[in-house]
Amino acid sequence: MSVETEMPIAPVASTPSSTPSLGLAASQAGSRSATSQTSGRGLGDVLLSVENVSLAFGGVKAITDVSFDIRKGEIRAIIGPNGAGKTSMLNVINGFYFPQSGVITFKGEKRREMRPYFAATSGISRTFQNVALFKGMSTLDNMMAGRTLKMRRGLLWQALRVGPAANEEIQHREVVEKLIDFLEIQHIRKVPVGKLPYGLQKRVELGRALAMEPELLLLDEPMAGMNLEEKEDMSRFVLTINQSLGTTIALIEHDMGVVMDLSDRVVVLEYGRKIADGTPDEVKNNPKVIDAYLGVSH
């Protein structure tokens, strides 16, 4: 699966109120299994760690004493059968769910509970298993929503859209337009997303998450419901985001071919418990993982 050269995203003119802009550069990348794993790609320091996290809903235990870490610059896959607790784990990391026990450490700061606002302002963004877009708004406006935390002018200035507020919006609009070019969705930029096919809605949602300029990008089944061509496109985007931007990615995906090709390390959950953790090759040959997916003993 190769990544073709993409149009660079040039820096936005810096002002006292602006933030560092996206810097998508041209990239050529093959599948992860053929490059990073065999060459021993070095990973950075721990960006986020989950320590002994447990989550229950009444008497139902969704996650039980799970620990793992995500290192800077890697693609970290979280896999497991349906009901294993994968999305619940992302919801804990993102602050949508509050665990009964355990600690989450992000960029060296320990928290018993992550809060969505803290996660967003600290550099965590995500997509959802079920697309969560503003269906009546255009592709462009949905992606502009991802720039909200980067805007510094007050509500009155933004309502009037004059002077500094107008200049600020132009700068953020330029970033979003470059993302639209990168994701190859120029033809739908003004189309309400509710009228788009599912695969394109997934791409718009990825664009909105990228507009936040995250350090950690959480992707919950980004290729669900896609055909082979759409999966190849999405895989190409994921690789380019990781390798060109240096964005760390945590990925939930059921397509094992995609997981083995893209990820640096894989953690496997079953019934809310961690049963394996390691490289794709280590995980796919683990008897516990084989049992969990095939339901047989060895």
C-alpha atoms as a PDB file:
ATOM      1  CA  MET A   1       0.000   0.000   0.000  1.00  0.00           C
ATOM      2  CA  SER A   2       1.888   3.092  -1.135  1.00  0.00           C
ATOM      3  CA  VAL A   3       1.483   6.746  -0.336  1.00  0.00           C
ATOM      4  CA  GLU A   4       1.687   9.115  -3.274  1.00  0.00           C
ATOM      5  CA  THR A   5       3.208  12.549  -3.000  1.00  0.00           C
ATOM      6  CA  GLU A   6       0.736  14.988  -1.465  1.00  0.00           C
ATOM      7  CA  MET A   7       0.448  18.748  -1.791  1.00  0.00           C
ATOM      8  CA  PRO A   8       2.305  20.323   1.151  1.00  0.00           C
ATOM      9  CA  ILE A   9       0.364  22.317   3.682  1.00  0.00           C
ATOM     10  CA  ALA A  10       2.203  25.578   3.978  1.00  0.00           C
ATOM     11  CA  PRO A  11       2.502  27.380   7.309  1.00  0.00           C
ATOM     12  CA  VAL A  12      -0.123  29.988   8.113  1.00  0.00           C
ATOM     13  CA  ALA A  13       1.201  33.497   8.617  1.00  0.00           C
ATOM     14  CA  SER A  14       1.977  33.830  12.294  1.00  0.00           C
ATOM     15  CA  THR A  15       0.303  36.464  14.415  1.00  0.00           C
ATOM     16  CA  PRO A  16       0.163  36.947  18.200  1.00  0.00           C
ATOM     17  CA  SER A  17      -3.254  35.274  18.202  1.00  0.00           C
ATOM     18  CA  SER A  18      -2.461  32.434  15.842  1.00  0.00           C
ATOM     19  CA  THR A  19      -1.134  28.985  16.666  1.00  0.00           C
ATOM     20  CA  PRO A  20       1.455  26.781  14.941  1.00  0.00           C
ATOM     21  CA  SER A  21      -0.032  25.545  11.678  1.00  0.00           C
ATOM     22  CA  LEU A  22      -0.118  22.132  10.101  1.00  0.00           C
ATOM     23  CA  GLY A  23       2.958  21.138   8.165  1.00  0.00           C
ATOM     24  CA  LEU A  24       1.961  18.219   5.942  1.00  0.00           C
ATOM     25  CA  ALA A  25       4.927  17.561   3.709  1.00  0.00           C
ATOM     26  CA  ALA A  26       5.249  15.304   0.695  1.00  0.00           C
ATOM     27  CA  SER A  27       5.799  11.710   1.723  1.00  0.00           C
ATOM     28  CA  GLN A  28       6.518   8.347   0.200  1.00  0.00           C
ATOM     29  CA  ALA A  29       5.600   5.480   2.549  1.00  0.00           C
ATOM     30  CA  GLY A  30       5.110   1.759   2.117  1.00  0.00           C
ATOM     31  CA  SER A  31       3.250  -0.581   4.402  1.00  0.00           C
ATOM     32  CA  ARG A  32       4.374  -0.521   8.020  1.00  0.00           C
ATOM     33  CA  SER A  33       5.093  -4.237   8.074  1.00  0.00           C
ATOM     34  CA  ALA A  34       7.500  -3.888   5.161  1.00  0.00           C
ATOM     35  CA  THR A  35       9.345  -0.877   6.536  1.00  0.00           C
ATOM     36  CA  SER A  36       9.206   0.149  10.172  1.00  0.00           C
ATOM     37  CA  GLN A  37       8.895  -3.276  11.777  1.00  0.00           C
ATOM     38  CA  THR A  38      11.647  -4.962   9.820  1.00  0.00           C
ATOM     39  CA  SER A  39      13.998  -1.997  10.158  1.00  0.00           C
ATOM     40  CA  GLY A  40      13.333  -1.544  13.871  1.00  0.00           C
ATOM     41  CA  ARG A  41      11.933   1.978  13.636  1.00  0.00           C
ATOM     42  CA  GLY A  42      12.824   3.796  16.825  1.00  0.00           C
ATOM     43  CA  LEU A  43       9.915   5.020  18.915  1.00  0.00           C
ATOM     44  CA  GLY A  44       9.908   8.083  21.133  1.00  0.00           C
ATOM     45  CA  ASP A  45       9.238   8.498  24.822  1.00  0.00           C
ATOM     46  CA  VAL A  46       5.931   7.536  26.387  1.00  0.00           C
ATOM     47  CA  LEU A  47       3.278  10.089  25.410  1.00  0.00           C
ATOM     48  CA  LEU A  48       0.325   8.496  27.211  1.00  0.00           C
ATOM     49  CA  SER A  49       0.137   5.655  29.690  1.00  0.00           C
ATOM     50  CA  VAL A  50      -2.854   3.796  31.067  1.00  0.00           C
ATOM     51  CA  GLU A  51      -2.193   2.161  34.439  1.00  0.00           C
ATOM     52  CA  ASN A  52      -4.500  -0.417  36.029  1.00  0.00           C
ATOM     53  CA  VAL A  53      -7.659   1.158  34.622  1.00  0.00           C
ATOM     54  CA  SER A  54     -10.995  -0.462  35.426  1.00  0.00           C
ATOM     55  CA  LEU A  55     -14.416   0.671  34.208  1.00  0.00           C
ATOM     56  CA  ALA A  56     -17.812  -0.788  35.060  1.00  0.00           C
ATOM     57  CA  PHE A  57     -21.416   0.084  34.271  1.00  0.00           C
ATOM     58  CA  GLY A  58     -23.357  -1.234  37.256  1.00  0.00           C
ATOM     59  CA  GLY A  59     -22.484  -4.911  37.418  1.00  0.00           C
ATOM     60  CA  VAL A  60     -21.044  -5.013  33.897  1.00  0.00           C
ATOM     61  CA  LYS A  61     -17.251  -4.769  33.799  1.00  0.00           C
ATOM     62  CA  ALA A  62     -16.199  -3.107  30.549  1.00  0.00           C
ATOM     63  CA  ILE A  63     -12.478  -2.814  31.398  1.00  0.00           C
ATOM     64  CA  THR A  64     -10.606  -4.695  34.130  1.00  0.00           C
ATOM     65  CA  ASP A  65      -7.139  -3.660  35.346  1.00  0.00           C
ATOM     66  CA  VAL A  66      -5.750  -2.749  31.913  1.00  0.00           C
ATOM     67  CA  SER A  67      -2.322  -1.143  31.511  1.00  0.00           C
ATOM     68  CA  PHE A  68      -0.404  -0.122  28.376  1.00  0.00           C
ATOM     69  CA  ASP A  69       1.374   2.900  26.922  1.00  0.00           C
ATOM     70  CA  ILE A  70       1.480   4.854  23.676  1.00  0.00           C
ATOM     71  CA  ARG A  71       4.835   6.207  22.538  1.00  0.00           C
ATOM     72  CA  LYS A  72       5.495   9.364  20.556  1.00  0.00           C
ATOM     73  CA  GLY A  73       5.420   8.879  16.811  1.00  0.00           C
ATOM     74  CA  GLU A  74       3.950   5.383  16.744  1.00  0.00           C
ATOM     75  CA  ILE A  75       0.756   3.888  15.398  1.00  0.00           C
ATOM     76  CA  ARG A  76      -0.649   1.895  18.331  1.00  0.00           C
ATOM     77  CA  ALA A  77      -3.449  -0.524  17.483  1.00  0.00           C
ATOM     78  CA  ILE A  78      -6.084  -1.666  19.984  1.00  0.00           C
ATOM     79  CA  ILE A  79      -7.837  -4.817  18.817  1.00  0.00           C
ATOM     80  CA  GLY A  80     -10.121  -7.520  20.134  1.00  0.00           C
ATOM     81  CA  PRO A  81     -13.430  -9.261  19.431  1.00  0.00           C
ATOM     82  CA  ASN A  82     -16.709  -7.355  19.628  1.00  0.00           C
ATOM     83  CA  GLY A  83     -17.458  -6.315  23.205  1.00  0.00           C
ATOM     84  CA  ALA A  84     -13.795  -6.473  24.249  1.00  0.00           C
ATOM     85  CA  GLY A  85     -13.817  -2.904  25.628  1.00  0.00           C
ATOM     86  CA  LYS A  86     -11.874  -1.164  22.847  1.00  0.00           C
ATOM     87  CA  THR A  87     -14.139   1.843  22.361  1.00  0.00           C
ATOM     88  CA  SER A  88     -14.659   2.101  26.116  1.00  0.00           C
ATOM     89  CA  MET A  89     -10.889   2.421  26.463  1.00  0.00           C
ATOM     90  CA  LEU A  90     -10.784   5.274  23.933  1.00  0.00           C
ATOM     91  CA  ASN A  91     -13.648   6.919  25.795  1.00  0.00           C
ATOM     92  CA  VAL A  92     -11.634   6.720  29.016  1.00  0.00           C
ATOM     93  CA  ILE A  93      -8.560   8.224  27.330  1.00  0.00           C
ATOM     94  CA  ASN A  94     -10.687  10.976  25.788  1.00  0.00           C
ATOM     95  CA  GLY A  95     -12.578  11.736  29.010  1.00  0.00           C
ATOM     96  CA  PHE A  96     -16.033  10.571  27.946  1.00  0.00           C
ATOM     97  CA  TYR A  97     -16.030   7.832  30.581  1.00  0.00           C
ATOM     98  CA  PHE A  98     -14.583   8.083  34.092  1.00  0.00           C
ATOM     99  CA  PRO A  99     -12.944   4.870  35.329  1.00  0.00           C
ATOM    100  CA  GLN A 100     -13.553   3.578  38.841  1.00  0.00           C
ATOM    101  CA  SER A 101      -9.830   2.971  39.329  1.00  0.00           C
ATOM    102  CA  GLY A 102      -6.516   3.507  37.617  1.00  0.00           C
ATOM    103  CA  VAL A 103      -4.432   6.438  36.399  1.00  0.00           C
ATOM    104  CA  ILE A 104      -4.001   8.073  32.994  1.00  0.00           C
ATOM    105  CA  THR A 105      -0.767   9.967  32.362  1.00  0.00           C
ATOM    106  CA  PHE A 106      -0.569  12.272  29.334  1.00  0.00           C
ATOM    107  CA  LYS A 107       2.632  14.208  28.644  1.00  0.00           C
ATOM    108  CA  GLY A 108       3.805  13.532  32.186  1.00  0.00           C
ATOM    109  CA  GLU A 109       0.632  14.749  33.916  1.00  0.00           C
ATOM    110  CA  LYS A 110      -1.197  12.108  35.942  1.00  0.00           C
ATOM    111  CA  ARG A 111      -4.994  12.209  36.132  1.00  0.00           C
ATOM    112  CA  ARG A 112      -7.479   9.880  37.787  1.00  0.00           C
ATOM    113  CA  GLU A 113     -10.057  11.112  35.303  1.00  0.00           C
ATOM    114  CA  MET A 114      -9.470  12.699  31.925  1.00  0.00           C
ATOM    115  CA  ARG A 115     -11.877  15.495  31.005  1.00  0.00           C
ATOM    116  CA  PRO A 116     -12.906  16.093  27.365  1.00  0.00           C
ATOM    117  CA  TYR A 117     -11.948  19.773  27.473  1.00  0.00           C
ATOM    118  CA  PHE A 118      -8.554  19.003  29.004  1.00  0.00           C
ATOM    119  CA  ALA A 119      -7.980  16.261  26.433  1.00  0.00           C
ATOM    120  CA  ALA A 120      -8.816  18.596  23.542  1.00  0.00           C
ATOM    121  CA  THR A 121      -6.749  21.530  24.792  1.00  0.00           C
ATOM    122  CA  SER A 122      -3.818  19.245  25.644  1.00  0.00           C
ATOM    123  CA  GLY A 123      -3.581  17.812  22.143  1.00  0.00           C
ATOM    124  CA  ILE A 124      -5.896  14.787  21.919  1.00  0.00           C
ATOM    125  CA  SER A 125      -8.478  14.566  19.140  1.00  0.00           C
ATOM    126  CA  ARG A 126     -10.533  11.661  17.850  1.00  0.00           C
ATOM    127  CA  THR A 127     -12.955  10.214  15.373  1.00  0.00           C
ATOM    128  CA  PHE A 128     -15.888   8.031  16.374  1.00  0.00           C
ATOM    129  CA  GLN A 129     -17.129   4.550  15.553  1.00  0.00           C
ATOM    130  CA  ASN A 130     -20.427   6.087  14.458  1.00  0.00           C
ATOM    131  CA  VAL A 131     -19.761   9.258  12.479  1.00  0.00           C
ATOM    132  CA  ALA A 132     -20.352  12.327  14.668  1.00  0.00           C
ATOM    133  CA  LEU A 133     -20.661  15.271  12.272  1.00  0.00           C
ATOM    134  CA  PHE A 134     -23.025  18.219  11.957  1.00  0.00           C
ATOM    135  CA  LYS A 135     -25.145  16.756   9.168  1.00  0.00           C
ATOM    136  CA  GLY A 136     -26.694  20.052   8.057  1.00  0.00           C
ATOM    137  CA  MET A 137     -23.341  21.816   7.764  1.00  0.00           C
ATOM    138  CA  SER A 138     -20.963  21.657   4.823  1.00  0.00           C
ATOM    139  CA  THR A 139     -17.685  19.766   4.744  1.00  0.00           C
ATOM    140  CA  LEU A 140     -15.811  23.054   5.096  1.00  0.00           C
ATOM    141  CA  ASP A 141     -17.854  24.226   8.091  1.00  0.00           C
ATOM    142  CA  ASN A 142     -17.524  20.863   9.855  1.00  0.00           C
ATOM    143  CA  MET A 143     -13.758  21.004   9.505  1.00  0.00           C
ATOM    144  CA  MET A 144     -13.680  24.655  10.623  1.00  0.00           C
ATOM    145  CA  ALA A 145     -15.345  23.470  13.838  1.00  0.00           C
ATOM    146  CA  GLY A 146     -12.099  21.673  14.568  1.00  0.00           C
ATOM    147  CA  ARG A 147     -10.293  25.033  14.661  1.00  0.00           C
ATOM    148  CA  THR A 148     -12.503  26.466  17.418  1.00  0.00           C
ATOM    149  CA  LEU A 149      -9.993  25.880  20.207  1.00  0.00           C
ATOM    150  CA  LYS A 150      -7.313  27.623  18.152  1.00  0.00           C
ATOM    151  CA  MET A 151      -9.335  30.834  17.802  1.00  0.00           C
ATOM    152  CA  ARG A 152      -8.518  33.585  20.293  1.00  0.00           C
ATOM    153  CA  ARG A 153     -11.053  36.314  19.526  1.00  0.00           C
ATOM    154  CA  GLY A 154     -14.161  36.622  21.697  1.00  0.00           C
ATOM    155  CA  LEU A 155     -17.735  35.787  20.777  1.00  0.00           C
ATOM    156  CA  LEU A 156     -18.619  39.393  19.886  1.00  0.00           C
ATOM    157  CA  TRP A 157     -15.670  39.763  17.528  1.00  0.00           C
ATOM    158  CA  GLN A 158     -16.492  36.437  15.872  1.00  0.00           C
ATOM    159  CA  ALA A 159     -20.158  37.390  15.489  1.00  0.00           C
ATOM    160  CA  LEU A 160     -19.232  40.669  13.800  1.00  0.00           C
ATOM    161  CA  ARG A 161     -16.487  39.036  11.673  1.00  0.00           C
ATOM    162  CA  VAL A 162     -14.604  42.277  11.222  1.00  0.00           C
ATOM    163  CA  GLY A 163     -11.060  43.443  11.888  1.00  0.00           C
ATOM    164  CA  PRO A 164      -8.882  40.996  13.836  1.00  0.00           C
ATOM    165  CA  ALA A 165     -11.625  38.358  13.957  1.00  0.00           C
ATOM    166  CA  ALA A 166     -11.949  38.355  10.165  1.00  0.00           C
ATOM    167  CA  ASN A 167      -8.174  38.044   9.751  1.00  0.00           C
ATOM    168  CA  GLU A 168      -8.061  35.210  12.243  1.00  0.00           C
ATOM    169  CA  GLU A 169     -10.816  33.317  10.451  1.00  0.00           C
ATOM    170  CA  ILE A 170      -8.995  33.706   7.137  1.00  0.00           C
ATOM    171  CA  GLN A 171      -5.850  32.209   8.642  1.00  0.00           C
ATOM    172  CA  HIS A 172      -7.722  29.220  10.057  1.00  0.00           C
ATOM    173  CA  ARG A 173      -9.648  28.827   6.806  1.00  0.00           C
ATOM    174  CA  GLU A 174      -6.336  28.499   4.948  1.00  0.00           C
ATOM    175  CA  VAL A 175      -5.324  25.595   7.204  1.00  0.00           C
ATOM    176  CA  VAL A 176      -8.642  23.848   6.591  1.00  0.00           C
ATOM    177  CA  GLU A 177      -8.440  24.402   2.816  1.00  0.00           C
ATOM    178  CA  LYS A 178      -5.016  22.723   2.781  1.00  0.00           C
ATOM    179  CA  LEU A 179      -6.457  19.776   4.713  1.00  0.00           C
ATOM    180  CA  ILE A 180      -9.290  19.523   2.209  1.00  0.00           C
ATOM    181  CA  ASP A 181      -6.711  19.313  -0.585  1.00  0.00           C
ATOM    182  CA  PHE A 182      -4.689  16.715   1.333  1.00  0.00           C
ATOM    183  CA  LEU A 183      -7.759  14.509   1.917  1.00  0.00           C
ATOM    184  CA  GLU A 184      -8.808  14.918  -1.729  1.00  0.00           C
ATOM    185  CA  ILE A 185     -12.310  16.169  -0.912  1.00  0.00           C
ATOM    186  CA  GLN A 186     -12.282  19.465  -2.836  1.00  0.00           C
ATOM    187  CA  HIS A 187     -15.360  18.421  -4.795  1.00  0.00           C
ATOM    188  CA  ILE A 188     -17.501  18.150  -1.639  1.00  0.00           C
ATOM    189  CA  ARG A 189     -16.196  21.150   0.289  1.00  0.00           C
ATOM    190  CA  LYS A 190     -19.566  22.962   0.176  1.00  0.00           C
ATOM    191  CA  VAL A 191     -21.832  19.881   0.265  1.00  0.00           C
ATOM    192  CA  PRO A 192     -23.813  19.219   3.477  1.00  0.00           C
ATOM    193  CA  VAL A 193     -22.195  16.153   5.022  1.00  0.00           C
ATOM    194  CA  GLY A 194     -25.580  14.495   5.582  1.00  0.00           C
ATOM    195  CA  LYS A 195     -25.784  14.026   1.799  1.00  0.00           C
ATOM    196  CA  LEU A 196     -22.393  12.336   1.519  1.00  0.00           C
ATOM    197  CA  PRO A 197     -21.766   8.578   1.318  1.00  0.00           C
ATOM    198  CA  TYR A 198     -20.429   6.964   4.485  1.00  0.00           C
ATOM    199  CA  GLY A 199     -16.835   6.671   3.291  1.00  0.00           C
ATOM    200  CA  LEU A 200     -16.586  10.395   2.560  1.00  0.00           C
ATOM    201  CA  GLN A 201     -18.200  11.262   5.889  1.00  0.00           C
ATOM    202  CA  LYS A 202     -15.415   9.276   7.570  1.00  0.00           C
ATOM    203  CA  ARG A 203     -12.857  11.311   5.647  1.00  0.00           C
ATOM    204  CA  VAL A 204     -14.489  14.596   6.681  1.00  0.00           C
ATOM    205  CA  GLU A 205     -14.462  13.486  10.312  1.00  0.00           C
ATOM    206  CA  LEU A 206     -10.756  12.694  10.013  1.00  0.00           C
ATOM    207  CA  GLY A 207     -10.218  16.176   8.585  1.00  0.00           C
ATOM    208  CA  ARG A 208     -12.009  17.799  11.512  1.00  0.00           C
ATOM    209  CA  ALA A 209      -9.837  15.862  13.973  1.00  0.00           C
ATOM    210  CA  LEU A 210      -6.690  16.900  12.089  1.00  0.00           C
ATOM    211  CA  ALA A 211      -7.794  20.539  12.114  1.00  0.00           C
ATOM    212  CA  MET A 212      -7.179  20.495  15.877  1.00  0.00           C
ATOM    213  CA  GLU A 213      -3.476  19.769  15.204  1.00  0.00           C
ATOM    214  CA  PRO A 214      -3.385  16.884  17.705  1.00  0.00           C
ATOM    215  CA  GLU A 215      -0.341  15.277  19.254  1.00  0.00           C
ATOM    216  CA  LEU A 216      -2.392  12.118  19.818  1.00  0.00           C
ATOM    217  CA  LEU A 217      -5.053  11.137  17.297  1.00  0.00           C
ATOM    218  CA  LEU A 218      -7.592   8.490  18.360  1.00  0.00           C
ATOM    219  CA  LEU A 219      -9.232   6.664  15.452  1.00  0.00           C
ATOM    220  CA  ASP A 220     -12.200   4.419  16.261  1.00  0.00           C
ATOM    221  CA  GLU A 221     -12.707   2.019  13.345  1.00  0.00           C
ATOM    222  CA  PRO A 222     -11.822   4.586  10.639  1.00  0.00           C
ATOM    223  CA  MET A 223     -12.283   2.006   7.869  1.00  0.00           C
ATOM    224  CA  ALA A 224     -15.538   0.414   8.996  1.00  0.00           C
ATOM    225  CA  GLY A 225     -18.028   0.022   6.160  1.00  0.00           C
ATOM    226  CA  MET A 226     -15.510   0.931   3.445  1.00  0.00           C
ATOM    227  CA  ASN A 227     -14.726  -0.939   0.247  1.00  0.00           C
ATOM    228  CA  LEU A 228     -11.175  -1.968  -0.662  1.00  0.00           C
ATOM    229  CA  GLU A 229     -10.345   1.232  -2.556  1.00  0.00           C
ATOM    230  CA  GLU A 230     -11.621   3.437   0.272  1.00  0.00           C
ATOM    231  CA  LYS A 231      -9.593   1.422   2.800  1.00  0.00           C
ATOM    232  CA  GLU A 232      -6.450   1.878   0.721  1.00  0.00           C
ATOM    233  CA  ASP A 233      -7.041   5.637   0.573  1.00  0.00           C
ATOM    234  CA  MET A 234      -7.651   5.871   4.318  1.00  0.00           C
ATOM    235  CA  SER A 235      -4.569   3.760   5.046  1.00  0.00           C
ATOM    236  CA  ARG A 236      -2.511   6.081   2.877  1.00  0.00           C
ATOM    237  CA  PHE A 237      -3.801   9.109   4.779  1.00  0.00           C
ATOM    238  CA  VAL A 238      -3.094   7.488   8.158  1.00  0.00           C
ATOM    239  CA  LEU A 239       0.494   6.666   7.176  1.00  0.00           C
ATOM    240  CA  THR A 240       1.134  10.156   5.796  1.00  0.00           C
ATOM    241  CA  ILE A 241      -0.308  11.809   8.915  1.00  0.00           C
ATOM    242  CA  ASN A 242       1.937   9.679  11.107  1.00  0.00           C
ATOM    243  CA  GLN A 243       5.134   9.924   9.085  1.00  0.00           C
ATOM    244  CA  SER A 244       4.926  13.488   7.739  1.00  0.00           C
ATOM    245  CA  LEU A 245       3.323  15.247  10.698  1.00  0.00           C
ATOM    246  CA  GLY A 246       4.793  12.988  13.346  1.00  0.00           C
ATOM    247  CA  THR A 247       1.313  12.599  14.815  1.00  0.00           C
ATOM    248  CA  THR A 248       0.967   9.718  17.264  1.00  0.00           C
ATOM    249  CA  ILE A 249      -2.041   7.532  16.451  1.00  0.00           C
ATOM    250  CA  ALA A 250      -4.086   5.078  18.511  1.00  0.00           C
ATOM    251  CA  LEU A 251      -6.187   2.963  16.195  1.00  0.00           C
ATOM    252  CA  ILE A 252      -9.114   0.583  16.706  1.00  0.00           C
ATOM    253  CA  GLU A 253      -9.705  -1.548  13.631  1.00  0.00           C
ATOM    254  CA  HIS A 254     -11.252  -4.946  12.880  1.00  0.00           C
ATOM    255  CA  ASP A 255      -9.482  -5.466   9.547  1.00  0.00           C
ATOM    256  CA  MET A 256      -6.451  -7.479  10.649  1.00  0.00           C
ATOM    257  CA  GLY A 257      -4.648  -6.895   7.364  1.00  0.00           C
ATOM    258  CA  VAL A 258      -4.815  -3.147   7.957  1.00  0.00           C
ATOM    259  CA  VAL A 259      -3.723  -3.533  11.591  1.00  0.00           C
ATOM    260  CA  MET A 260      -0.712  -5.678  10.703  1.00  0.00           C
ATOM    261  CA  ASP A 261       0.369  -3.336   7.894  1.00  0.00           C
ATOM    262  CA  LEU A 262      -0.032  -0.014   9.703  1.00  0.00           C
ATOM    263  CA  SER A 263       0.725  -0.517  13.367  1.00  0.00           C
ATOM    264  CA  ASP A 264       4.026  -0.464  15.246  1.00  0.00           C
ATOM    265  CA  ARG A 265       2.598  -2.187  18.326  1.00  0.00           C
ATOM    266  CA  VAL A 266      -0.696  -3.892  19.125  1.00  0.00           C
ATOM    267  CA  VAL A 267      -2.548  -4.352  22.407  1.00  0.00           C
ATOM    268  CA  VAL A 268      -5.276  -7.011  22.479  1.00  0.00           C
ATOM    269  CA  LEU A 269      -8.340  -6.924  24.732  1.00  0.00           C
ATOM    270  CA  GLU A 270     -10.839  -9.683  25.455  1.00  0.00           C
ATOM    271  CA  TYR A 271     -13.843  -9.191  27.728  1.00  0.00           C
ATOM    272  CA  GLY A 272     -12.230  -6.023  29.067  1.00  0.00           C
ATOM    273  CA  ARG A 273      -8.902  -7.648  29.980  1.00  0.00           C
ATOM    274  CA  LYS A 274      -5.548  -7.312  28.235  1.00  0.00           C
ATOM    275  CA  ILE A 275      -4.420 -10.666  26.854  1.00  0.00           C
ATOM    276  CA  ALA A 276      -1.483  -9.626  24.654  1.00  0.00           C
ATOM    277  CA  ASP A 277       0.773  -6.675  23.869  1.00  0.00           C
ATOM    278  CA  GLY A 278       3.641  -6.442  21.393  1.00  0.00           C
ATOM    279  CA  THR A 279       4.581  -6.105  17.736  1.00  0.00           C
ATOM    280  CA  PRO A 280       2.097  -7.277  15.090  1.00  0.00           C
ATOM    281  CA  ASP A 281       4.149 -10.419  14.459  1.00  0.00           C
ATOM    282  CA  GLU A 282       4.269 -11.257  18.164  1.00  0.00           C
ATOM    283  CA  VAL A 283       0.548 -10.682  18.604  1.00  0.00           C
ATOM    284  CA  LYS A 284      -0.682 -12.618  15.573  1.00  0.00           C
ATOM    285  CA  ASN A 285       1.251 -15.700  16.714  1.00  0.00           C
ATOM    286  CA  ASN A 286       0.092 -15.462  20.321  1.00  0.00           C
ATOM    287  CA  PRO A 287      -2.078 -18.517  21.224  1.00  0.00           C
ATOM    288  CA  LYS A 288      -4.319 -16.414  23.494  1.00  0.00           C
ATOM    289  CA  VAL A 289      -5.082 -14.058  20.609  1.00  0.00           C
ATOM    290  CA  ILE A 290      -5.810 -16.944  18.262  1.00  0.00           C
ATOM    291  CA  ASP A 291      -8.141 -18.454  20.852  1.00  0.00           C
ATOM    292  CA  ALA A 292      -9.950 -15.153  21.356  1.00  0.00           C
ATOM    293  CA  TYR A 293     -10.688 -14.777  17.644  1.00  0.00           C
ATOM    294  CA  LEU A 294     -11.280 -18.428  16.721  1.00  0.00           C
ATOM    295  CA  GLY A 295     -12.738 -19.676  19.987  1.00  0.00           C
ATOM    296  CA  VAL A 296     -10.625 -22.837  20.013  1.00  0.00           C
ATOM    297  CA  SER A 297      -7.910 -24.189  22.314  1.00  0.00           C
ATOM    298  CA  HIS A 298      -4.401 -25.239  21.317  1.00  0.00           C
END
